[in-house]
Amino acid sequence: MKKLNKLSIIGYGAGDAANNLAFTTATMFLLVYYTDVAGISAAAAGTLLLVVRVFDAFADVFAGRVVDRTFSKRFGKFRPFIMFGSIPLLLLSVATFSVPQLGESGTLLYAYVTYAALGLAYSLVNIPYGSLAGAMTQDPGERAKLGSARMIGALLVGSALGIFVAPLIKPGANLQATFTTITLVFVVIGAALYLFTFLTAKERVHRAVPNVTFKQSMDTLKGNRPLLMLCLSSFFFLTGSLALSSVQLYYLRDVLGRLDLYPVLSITQLVLTFVLAGFMPKLVRNIGKKRVYIVSSLLTVVGGAIIFFTPASQVWVGFSGLVISLVGVLAVSVVVWALEADTVEYGEWKTGVRTEGITYALFSFTRKTGQAVGGALAAYALALGGYKSGAVQTQEAVFGIQVAAGALPAVMTILAVLVMAKYTLTDAMHARILTEIRARRHSETAGTRDTADGEAAAVSEVPAPLAQRN
């Protein structure tokens, strides 16, 4: 298969930049928005995040089935969702960050409904987007490039939010006006980025079964042990990393007392993103995706331990823990998408049916569940510590933030590594699987030709009607 051109790789990365205008904005700021702007208690916000993100996980499975059952001869299987689902997604992001004061119950109900709707809209765009990578190429190095492009797109948005938005989250600021303006601007930017992805990222992998039945989807999942192990490992990893990202701002502002370091962290993140994107494909080729995943995860464990054990007075030691954790999270974020795409081929090898949609949906389901648990545990840690918006935090509250930012990510990531150590779909095995799939396709194509030739020969031997005989 031909190498991907640079425009298609950039276009694919633009899609995740657009996704994260909604997703990263929510993961970075929604808990702060609910507690400090909408006036929702930390405990109620934690329950909200848990319930809605679990709903999001099931929405992913629904979206995966919708994708597997859909195919457009003109636009392909995945690109129509990206094109036509983008505007509703972006507008719902505006609604989610525009909670009106309707009394305690009314405000909470509005928050539940808008965030749930945002999650469903995100699933109907993100599941096709994530599945698209496996349909663009089967080459491990090229998939690593797509993973790097995706990470760059996401981190450009995350860095911009950290540099320009996070410093505005301070007592006395008109945060509602800030979030309304930002999300409205994102509607315009996001629509342009999604259009760019739609026009440049094309599907090139052969598909024997365009519309996949429910039974075929389930058969593929049941026999896909590598996918199930990757899902479980990702659940643990995302539980930890989402706990960290949910309270990162609290850690800098309320523990270290240095909210001004948030832009520094974001710039560091941006630099690290480009550095990792440059050598990650080569690193994957040299040592394999599984080893990259495990080593990177262990960096996150080290960073989490530093955050948890460092006294609040040691600002730069605590900040270094954030940076080390960030390196690990970024590296895993690159390689995990290539690992997921490999499991699509494993499922096709086992069953003869290619099911990107439901495979990615199950993977996303466990990731969303991990995000739900991580975000909720972070909020509960704040509540148990006695966090109070706009106040000087007690030692108990500081400890709760350190648990969420350091201990939770470290423990959960250790569990992720233990699962990944048993992962069997190595790069060498994936290469053999690809060879067998291609041989099978060639055999099926040759068999179809032979059948067609045989039918044509049989037709030519049929006696002519009596009226045509001499």
Protein backbone atom coordinates (compact mmCIF):
# COMPACT_ATOMS: atom_id res chain seq x y z
CA MET A 1 0.00 0.00 0.00
CA LYS A 2 1.28 3.50 -0.89
CA LYS A 3 2.60 5.76 1.84
CA LEU A 4 0.26 8.46 3.11
CA ASN A 5 0.95 11.93 1.78
CA LYS A 6 1.64 14.77 4.20
CA LEU A 7 -1.66 16.51 3.51
CA SER A 8 -3.71 13.49 4.52
CA ILE A 9 -1.67 13.08 7.73
CA ILE A 10 -2.11 16.76 8.61
CA GLY A 11 -5.77 16.55 7.72
CA TYR A 12 -6.24 13.60 10.06
CA GLY A 13 -4.54 15.51 12.87
CA ALA A 14 -6.82 18.48 12.25
CA GLY A 15 -9.78 16.25 13.05
CA ASP A 16 -8.57 15.58 16.58
CA ALA A 17 -7.83 19.27 17.06
CA ALA A 18 -11.49 19.88 16.26
CA ASN A 19 -12.59 17.04 18.56
CA ASN A 20 -10.65 18.50 21.45
CA LEU A 21 -12.17 21.93 21.10
CA ALA A 22 -15.11 20.19 22.78
CA PHE A 23 -13.45 17.26 24.61
CA THR A 24 -10.36 18.88 26.17
CA THR A 25 -12.26 22.01 27.08
CA ALA A 26 -14.64 19.78 29.04
CA THR A 27 -11.96 17.61 30.69
CA MET A 28 -9.84 20.61 31.69
CA PHE A 29 -12.48 23.07 32.80
CA LEU A 30 -15.90 21.48 33.25
CA LEU A 31 -15.35 20.46 36.88
CA VAL A 32 -14.04 23.95 37.68
CA TYR A 33 -16.94 25.50 35.74
CA TYR A 34 -19.53 23.43 37.61
CA THR A 35 -18.05 24.15 41.08
CA ASP A 36 -16.91 27.76 40.64
CA VAL A 37 -19.37 29.20 38.09
CA ALA A 38 -22.57 27.14 38.04
CA GLY A 39 -22.49 26.73 41.83
CA ILE A 40 -22.78 22.92 41.83
CA SER A 41 -21.14 21.22 44.83
CA ALA A 42 -18.00 19.13 44.26
CA ALA A 43 -19.79 15.93 45.33
CA ALA A 44 -22.78 16.56 43.03
CA ALA A 45 -20.42 17.46 40.19
CA GLY A 46 -18.48 14.24 40.75
CA THR A 47 -21.64 12.16 40.53
CA LEU A 48 -22.70 14.07 37.42
CA LEU A 49 -19.37 13.39 35.71
CA LEU A 50 -19.54 9.71 36.64
CA VAL A 51 -23.13 9.17 35.45
CA VAL A 52 -22.84 11.12 32.20
CA ARG A 53 -19.47 9.67 31.21
CA VAL A 54 -20.76 6.14 31.77
CA PHE A 55 -23.69 7.10 29.54
CA ASP A 56 -21.10 8.38 27.02
CA ALA A 57 -19.43 4.99 27.08
CA PHE A 58 -22.66 3.27 26.04
CA ALA A 59 -23.20 6.02 23.47
CA ASP A 60 -19.89 4.92 21.93
CA VAL A 61 -21.18 1.36 21.48
CA PHE A 62 -24.36 2.72 19.89
CA ALA A 63 -22.27 4.90 17.57
CA GLY A 64 -20.06 1.94 16.67
CA ARG A 65 -23.06 -0.09 15.52
CA VAL A 66 -24.42 2.88 13.55
CA VAL A 67 -21.04 3.23 11.82
CA ASP A 68 -20.75 -0.48 11.00
CA ARG A 69 -24.22 -0.47 9.44
CA THR A 70 -23.53 2.62 7.31
CA PHE A 71 -21.70 2.93 4.00
CA SER A 72 -21.79 5.67 1.37
CA LYS A 73 -20.41 4.89 -2.09
CA ARG A 74 -19.66 8.58 -2.57
CA PHE A 75 -18.12 9.53 0.79
CA GLY A 76 -17.11 6.20 2.35
CA LYS A 77 -17.94 4.76 5.74
CA PHE A 78 -16.59 7.30 8.23
CA ARG A 79 -16.25 10.73 6.62
CA PRO A 80 -19.99 11.55 6.41
CA PHE A 81 -20.27 11.44 10.22
CA ILE A 82 -17.33 13.82 10.56
CA MET A 83 -18.86 16.25 8.08
CA PHE A 84 -22.47 16.31 9.20
CA GLY A 85 -22.07 15.70 12.94
CA SER A 86 -19.57 18.46 13.60
CA ILE A 87 -21.85 21.51 13.91
CA PRO A 88 -24.30 19.90 16.41
CA LEU A 89 -21.31 18.77 18.49
CA LEU A 90 -19.75 22.23 18.63
CA LEU A 91 -23.05 23.98 19.41
CA LEU A 92 -23.71 21.55 22.28
CA SER A 93 -20.34 22.50 23.74
CA VAL A 94 -21.61 26.09 23.92
CA ALA A 95 -24.78 24.91 25.67
CA THR A 96 -22.82 22.79 28.18
CA PHE A 97 -20.82 25.83 29.32
CA SER A 98 -23.92 28.04 29.54
CA VAL A 99 -25.69 26.71 32.64
CA PRO A 100 -28.50 29.08 33.70
CA GLN A 101 -29.43 29.68 37.33
CA LEU A 102 -32.66 27.67 37.66
CA GLY A 103 -32.48 26.76 41.31
CA GLU A 104 -30.44 23.87 42.67
CA SER A 105 -32.48 21.10 41.01
CA GLY A 106 -33.07 22.96 37.72
CA THR A 107 -29.42 23.88 37.33
CA LEU A 108 -28.31 20.31 37.99
CA LEU A 109 -30.90 18.90 35.55
CA TYR A 110 -29.77 21.31 32.82
CA ALA A 111 -26.14 20.29 33.42
CA TYR A 112 -27.01 16.59 33.15
CA VAL A 113 -29.03 16.99 29.94
CA THR A 114 -26.57 19.23 28.07
CA TYR A 115 -23.48 17.24 29.03
CA ALA A 116 -25.18 13.96 28.09
CA ALA A 117 -26.23 15.41 24.72
CA LEU A 118 -22.67 16.65 24.17
CA GLY A 119 -21.37 13.15 24.91
CA LEU A 120 -23.72 11.50 22.41
CA ALA A 121 -22.84 14.02 19.69
CA TYR A 122 -19.15 13.51 20.41
CA SER A 123 -19.52 9.73 20.08
CA LEU A 124 -21.19 10.06 16.67
CA VAL A 125 -18.21 12.08 15.42
CA ASN A 126 -15.30 10.61 17.36
CA ILE A 127 -16.03 6.90 16.77
CA PRO A 128 -15.95 7.35 12.96
CA TYR A 129 -12.93 9.63 13.29
CA GLY A 130 -10.97 7.12 15.37
CA SER A 131 -11.99 4.25 13.09
CA LEU A 132 -10.79 6.19 10.06
CA ALA A 133 -7.11 5.65 10.93
CA GLY A 134 -7.40 1.89 10.43
CA ALA A 135 -9.05 2.46 7.06
CA MET A 136 -6.38 4.88 5.82
CA THR A 137 -3.37 2.53 6.06
CA GLN A 138 -2.21 -0.81 7.47
CA ASP A 139 1.47 0.11 7.72
CA PRO A 140 2.66 0.32 11.38
CA GLY A 141 4.97 3.26 10.69
CA GLU A 142 2.25 5.17 8.86
CA ARG A 143 -0.20 4.47 11.67
CA ALA A 144 2.34 5.83 14.13
CA LYS A 145 2.46 9.00 12.00
CA LEU A 146 -1.32 9.27 12.19
CA GLY A 147 -1.10 8.77 15.96
CA SER A 148 1.51 11.53 16.16
CA ALA A 149 -0.63 13.85 14.02
CA ARG A 150 -3.61 13.11 16.22
CA MET A 151 -1.62 13.86 19.34
CA ILE A 152 -0.29 17.11 17.88
CA GLY A 153 -3.80 18.23 16.94
CA ALA A 154 -5.13 17.47 20.42
CA LEU A 155 -2.19 18.98 22.23
CA LEU A 156 -2.19 22.19 20.20
CA VAL A 157 -5.70 22.76 21.48
CA GLY A 158 -4.81 21.66 25.01
CA SER A 159 -1.76 23.94 25.06
CA ALA A 160 -3.76 26.90 23.77
CA LEU A 161 -6.32 26.34 26.51
CA GLY A 162 -3.59 26.13 29.13
CA ILE A 163 -1.73 29.19 27.90
CA PHE A 164 -4.65 31.52 27.23
CA VAL A 165 -7.64 30.24 29.22
CA ALA A 166 -6.34 28.65 32.43
CA PRO A 167 -4.78 31.91 33.74
CA LEU A 168 -8.24 33.48 33.57
CA ILE A 169 -9.69 30.98 36.08
CA LYS A 170 -9.21 33.12 39.16
CA PRO A 171 -11.54 34.51 41.86
CA GLY A 172 -13.55 37.57 40.84
CA ALA A 173 -13.32 37.01 37.08
CA ASN A 174 -16.45 36.89 34.90
CA LEU A 175 -15.93 33.26 33.94
CA GLN A 176 -19.36 32.76 32.39
CA ALA A 177 -18.66 35.42 29.77
CA THR A 178 -15.22 33.91 29.19
CA PHE A 179 -16.52 30.41 28.53
CA THR A 180 -19.41 31.62 26.36
CA THR A 181 -17.05 33.61 24.13
CA ILE A 182 -14.51 30.79 23.87
CA THR A 183 -17.03 28.09 22.95
CA LEU A 184 -18.68 30.29 20.32
CA VAL A 185 -15.31 30.97 18.69
CA PHE A 186 -14.64 27.23 18.74
CA VAL A 187 -17.77 26.61 16.65
CA VAL A 188 -16.20 28.51 13.74
CA ILE A 189 -12.69 27.10 14.14
CA GLY A 190 -13.92 23.55 14.68
CA ALA A 191 -16.19 23.56 11.64
CA ALA A 192 -13.24 24.60 9.43
CA LEU A 193 -10.98 21.89 10.88
CA TYR A 194 -13.58 19.15 10.43
CA LEU A 195 -14.10 20.21 6.81
CA PHE A 196 -10.35 19.98 6.21
CA THR A 197 -10.30 16.43 7.64
CA PHE A 198 -13.28 15.43 5.50
CA LEU A 199 -11.56 16.65 2.32
CA THR A 200 -8.08 15.18 2.92
CA ALA A 201 -8.29 11.99 5.04
CA LYS A 202 -9.49 9.26 2.65
CA GLU A 203 -10.26 5.57 3.20
CA ARG A 204 -7.94 3.25 1.25
CA VAL A 205 -8.11 -0.17 2.95
CA HIS A 206 -10.07 -2.90 1.13
CA ARG A 207 -13.44 -3.73 2.68
CA ALA A 208 -15.02 -7.08 1.81
CA VAL A 209 -18.18 -6.45 3.88
CA PRO A 210 -19.38 -2.81 3.68
CA ASN A 211 -22.38 -3.27 6.02
CA VAL A 212 -21.63 -5.40 9.07
CA THR A 213 -24.42 -7.27 10.86
CA PHE A 214 -24.83 -7.29 14.64
CA LYS A 215 -23.84 -10.98 14.77
CA GLN A 216 -20.66 -10.29 12.76
CA SER A 217 -19.79 -7.45 15.14
CA MET A 218 -20.26 -9.63 18.21
CA ASP A 219 -18.33 -12.54 16.68
CA THR A 220 -15.41 -10.22 16.00
CA LEU A 221 -15.36 -8.89 19.55
CA LYS A 222 -15.70 -12.27 21.27
CA GLY A 223 -12.59 -13.70 19.63
CA ASN A 224 -10.45 -10.57 19.90
CA ARG A 225 -8.42 -11.15 23.08
CA PRO A 226 -5.79 -8.47 22.28
CA LEU A 227 -8.57 -5.87 21.97
CA LEU A 228 -10.05 -6.88 25.33
CA MET A 229 -6.65 -6.64 27.05
CA LEU A 230 -5.92 -3.27 25.45
CA CYS A 231 -9.35 -2.06 26.59
CA LEU A 232 -8.74 -3.14 30.20
CA SER A 233 -5.28 -1.57 30.29
CA SER A 234 -6.62 1.65 28.80
CA PHE A 235 -9.42 1.72 31.38
CA PHE A 236 -6.87 1.79 34.20
CA PHE A 237 -4.58 4.25 32.44
CA LEU A 238 -7.40 6.67 31.59
CA THR A 239 -8.79 6.50 35.12
CA GLY A 240 -5.46 7.79 36.38
CA SER A 241 -4.73 10.33 33.67
CA LEU A 242 -8.24 11.85 33.81
CA ALA A 243 -7.97 12.21 37.58
CA LEU A 244 -4.77 14.18 36.99
CA SER A 245 -6.13 16.35 34.18
CA SER A 246 -9.30 17.10 36.16
CA VAL A 247 -7.37 18.54 39.14
CA GLN A 248 -4.22 19.79 37.44
CA LEU A 249 -5.44 23.37 37.72
CA TYR A 250 -6.37 22.86 41.40
CA TYR A 251 -2.89 21.42 42.08
CA LEU A 252 -1.08 24.39 40.59
CA ARG A 253 -3.45 26.98 42.04
CA ASP A 254 -4.32 25.60 45.48
CA VAL A 255 -1.35 23.33 46.41
CA LEU A 256 1.70 24.92 44.83
CA GLY A 257 0.14 28.41 44.81
CA ARG A 258 1.46 29.02 41.29
CA LEU A 259 -1.40 29.27 38.81
CA ASP A 260 1.02 31.28 36.65
CA LEU A 261 2.86 27.99 35.95
CA TYR A 262 -0.11 26.61 34.03
CA PRO A 263 0.93 28.41 30.79
CA VAL A 264 4.50 27.17 31.37
CA LEU A 265 3.21 23.61 31.67
CA SER A 266 1.16 24.07 28.49
CA ILE A 267 4.15 25.40 26.54
CA THR A 268 6.25 22.49 27.85
CA GLN A 269 3.52 20.14 26.73
CA LEU A 270 3.51 21.68 23.27
CA VAL A 271 7.29 21.33 22.89
CA LEU A 272 7.20 17.74 24.12
CA THR A 273 4.44 16.95 21.65
CA PHE A 274 6.51 17.96 18.65
CA VAL A 275 9.62 16.23 20.01
CA LEU A 276 7.73 12.97 20.58
CA ALA A 277 5.94 13.20 17.23
CA GLY A 278 9.30 13.47 15.49
CA PHE A 279 10.91 10.31 16.81
CA MET A 280 7.98 8.17 17.95
CA PRO A 281 7.49 6.38 14.57
CA LYS A 282 11.19 5.40 14.58
CA LEU A 283 10.99 4.32 18.23
CA VAL A 284 7.95 2.15 17.43
CA ARG A 285 9.82 0.49 14.55
CA ASN A 286 12.88 -0.17 16.72
CA ILE A 287 11.39 -1.49 19.98
CA GLY A 288 7.70 -2.06 19.19
CA LYS A 289 4.46 -0.47 20.29
CA LYS A 290 3.97 -2.64 23.38
CA ARG A 291 7.32 -1.70 24.92
CA VAL A 292 6.77 1.99 24.17
CA TYR A 293 3.40 1.77 25.95
CA ILE A 294 4.85 0.09 29.05
CA VAL A 295 7.93 2.30 29.42
CA SER A 296 5.87 5.46 28.90
CA SER A 297 3.35 4.30 31.50
CA LEU A 298 6.10 3.79 34.04
CA LEU A 299 7.14 7.43 33.56
CA THR A 300 3.59 8.40 34.54
CA VAL A 301 3.94 6.31 37.71
CA VAL A 302 7.17 8.12 38.64
CA GLY A 303 5.57 11.52 38.03
CA GLY A 304 2.52 10.63 40.11
CA ALA A 305 4.70 9.51 43.03
CA ILE A 306 6.59 12.82 42.93
CA ILE A 307 3.33 14.82 42.95
CA PHE A 308 1.91 12.85 45.88
CA PHE A 309 4.98 12.87 48.16
CA THR A 310 6.31 16.37 47.44
CA PRO A 311 5.48 19.01 50.09
CA ALA A 312 3.55 22.05 48.83
CA SER A 313 6.56 24.27 49.59
CA GLN A 314 8.72 22.43 47.02
CA VAL A 315 7.15 24.08 43.99
CA TRP A 316 9.64 23.06 41.33
CA VAL A 317 9.85 19.45 42.50
CA GLY A 318 6.06 19.18 42.34
CA PHE A 319 6.04 20.86 38.94
CA SER A 320 8.69 18.42 37.67
CA GLY A 321 6.36 15.59 38.70
CA LEU A 322 3.66 17.08 36.47
CA VAL A 323 6.09 17.29 33.55
CA ILE A 324 7.29 13.68 33.97
CA SER A 325 3.71 12.46 34.14
CA LEU A 326 2.94 14.49 31.05
CA VAL A 327 5.74 12.85 29.05
CA GLY A 328 4.33 9.42 29.84
CA VAL A 329 0.76 10.39 29.01
CA LEU A 330 1.78 11.97 25.70
CA ALA A 331 3.81 8.95 24.59
CA VAL A 332 0.99 6.54 25.44
CA SER A 333 -1.44 8.81 23.59
CA VAL A 334 0.60 8.36 20.41
CA VAL A 335 1.04 4.61 20.48
CA VAL A 336 -2.35 3.52 21.85
CA TRP A 337 -4.21 4.44 18.65
CA ALA A 338 -1.82 2.35 16.55
CA LEU A 339 -2.36 -0.55 18.95
CA GLU A 340 -6.13 -0.21 18.59
CA ALA A 341 -5.88 -0.18 14.79
CA ASP A 342 -3.83 -3.42 14.95
CA THR A 343 -6.67 -5.14 16.79
CA VAL A 344 -8.96 -4.42 13.83
CA GLU A 345 -6.74 -6.61 11.64
CA TYR A 346 -6.63 -9.27 14.36
CA GLY A 347 -10.44 -9.41 14.32
CA GLU A 348 -10.51 -9.57 10.53
CA TRP A 349 -7.90 -12.35 10.59
CA LYS A 350 -10.00 -14.39 13.03
CA THR A 351 -13.42 -13.90 11.40
CA GLY A 352 -12.91 -12.64 7.84
CA VAL A 353 -14.96 -9.50 8.58
CA ARG A 354 -13.45 -6.04 9.08
CA THR A 355 -15.30 -4.12 11.83
CA GLU A 356 -13.54 -0.83 12.56
CA GLY A 357 -16.66 0.77 14.02
CA ILE A 358 -17.55 -1.67 16.79
CA THR A 359 -13.88 -2.38 17.54
CA TYR A 360 -13.13 1.28 18.08
CA ALA A 361 -16.44 1.69 19.92
CA LEU A 362 -15.56 -0.99 22.48
CA PHE A 363 -12.11 0.53 22.92
CA SER A 364 -13.64 3.97 23.34
CA PHE A 365 -16.28 2.53 25.70
CA THR A 366 -13.64 1.37 28.16
CA ARG A 367 -11.70 4.62 27.78
CA LYS A 368 -14.84 6.65 28.46
CA THR A 369 -15.60 4.47 31.47
CA GLY A 370 -12.08 5.07 32.75
CA GLN A 371 -12.53 8.80 32.20
CA ALA A 372 -15.82 8.67 34.07
CA VAL A 373 -14.31 6.88 37.05
CA GLY A 374 -11.17 9.05 37.04
CA GLY A 375 -13.08 12.33 36.88
CA ALA A 376 -15.50 11.20 39.58
CA LEU A 377 -12.75 9.95 41.90
CA ALA A 378 -10.92 13.26 41.49
CA ALA A 379 -14.08 15.21 42.40
CA TYR A 380 -14.77 12.91 45.38
CA ALA A 381 -11.20 13.41 46.60
CA LEU A 382 -11.82 17.16 46.54
CA ALA A 383 -15.11 16.73 48.41
CA LEU A 384 -13.62 14.42 51.05
CA GLY A 385 -10.78 16.87 51.59
CA GLY A 386 -13.29 19.67 52.15
CA TYR A 387 -12.47 21.76 49.07
CA LYS A 388 -14.25 25.15 49.08
CA SER A 389 -14.41 27.39 46.02
CA GLY A 390 -12.65 30.74 46.39
CA ALA A 391 -11.22 29.97 49.84
CA VAL A 392 -7.75 29.21 51.19
CA GLN A 393 -7.65 25.43 51.28
CA THR A 394 -7.04 23.42 54.46
CA GLN A 395 -4.31 20.78 54.79
CA GLU A 396 -6.99 18.12 54.33
CA ALA A 397 -8.12 19.74 51.07
CA VAL A 398 -4.52 19.99 49.85
CA PHE A 399 -4.02 16.29 50.63
CA GLY A 400 -7.19 15.43 48.69
CA ILE A 401 -5.87 17.28 45.65
CA GLN A 402 -2.51 15.49 45.91
CA VAL A 403 -4.27 12.13 46.10
CA ALA A 404 -6.22 12.92 42.92
CA ALA A 405 -3.23 14.37 41.05
CA GLY A 406 -0.53 11.93 42.21
CA ALA A 407 -1.59 8.78 44.03
CA LEU A 408 -4.56 7.86 41.83
CA PRO A 409 -2.63 8.17 38.51
CA ALA A 410 0.32 6.19 39.90
CA VAL A 411 -1.76 3.29 41.24
CA MET A 412 -4.03 3.05 38.22
CA THR A 413 -1.12 3.18 35.79
CA ILE A 414 0.63 0.34 37.59
CA LEU A 415 -2.50 -1.75 37.03
CA ALA A 416 -2.47 -0.74 33.35
CA VAL A 417 1.14 -1.94 32.99
CA LEU A 418 0.39 -5.28 34.66
CA VAL A 419 -2.38 -5.94 32.14
CA MET A 420 -0.31 -4.77 29.16
CA ALA A 421 2.54 -7.10 30.13
CA LYS A 422 0.25 -9.98 29.06
CA TYR A 423 -0.62 -8.39 25.68
CA THR A 424 0.15 -10.87 22.88
CA LEU A 425 -0.36 -8.92 19.63
CA THR A 426 3.25 -7.91 19.01
CA ASP A 427 4.41 -6.08 15.90
CA ALA A 428 5.88 -9.30 14.49
CA MET A 429 2.58 -11.14 14.96
CA HIS A 430 0.69 -8.23 13.37
CA ALA A 431 2.97 -8.40 10.32
CA ARG A 432 2.22 -12.14 9.91
CA ILE A 433 -1.50 -11.46 10.26
CA LEU A 434 -1.37 -8.81 7.53
CA THR A 435 0.42 -11.24 5.22
CA GLU A 436 -2.23 -13.89 5.76
CA ILE A 437 -5.09 -11.41 5.27
CA ARG A 438 -3.63 -10.23 1.97
CA ALA A 439 -3.11 -13.82 0.82
CA ARG A 440 -6.72 -14.61 1.72
CA ARG A 441 -8.00 -11.60 -0.21
CA HIS A 442 -5.89 -12.56 -3.22
CA SER A 443 -7.23 -16.10 -3.08
CA GLU A 444 -10.83 -14.87 -2.80
CA THR A 445 -10.34 -12.50 -5.73
CA ALA A 446 -8.79 -15.25 -7.85
CA GLY A 447 -11.61 -17.62 -6.91
CA THR A 448 -14.21 -15.05 -7.91
CA ARG A 449 -12.50 -14.60 -11.28
CA ASP A 450 -12.33 -18.36 -11.85
CA THR A 451 -16.02 -18.72 -11.01
CA ALA A 452 -16.95 -15.91 -13.38
CA ASP A 453 -14.83 -17.43 -16.18
CA GLY A 454 -16.41 -20.85 -15.59
CA GLU A 455 -19.92 -19.40 -15.76
CA ALA A 456 -19.07 -17.59 -18.99
CA ALA A 457 -17.70 -20.79 -20.52
CA ALA A 458 -20.82 -22.72 -19.50
CA VAL A 459 -23.05 -20.10 -21.12
CA SER A 460 -21.07 -20.33 -24.37
CA GLU A 461 -21.65 -24.12 -24.48
CA VAL A 462 -25.46 -23.89 -24.17
CA PRO A 463 -27.14 -24.91 -27.52
CA ALA A 464 -28.65 -22.02 -29.45
CA PRO A 465 -32.48 -21.78 -29.65
CA LEU A 466 -34.10 -23.71 -32.53
CA ALA A 467 -34.96 -20.52 -34.36
CA GLN A 468 -31.25 -19.64 -34.53
CA ARG A 469 -30.01 -23.07 -35.80
CA ASN A 470 -29.13 -23.59 -39.45
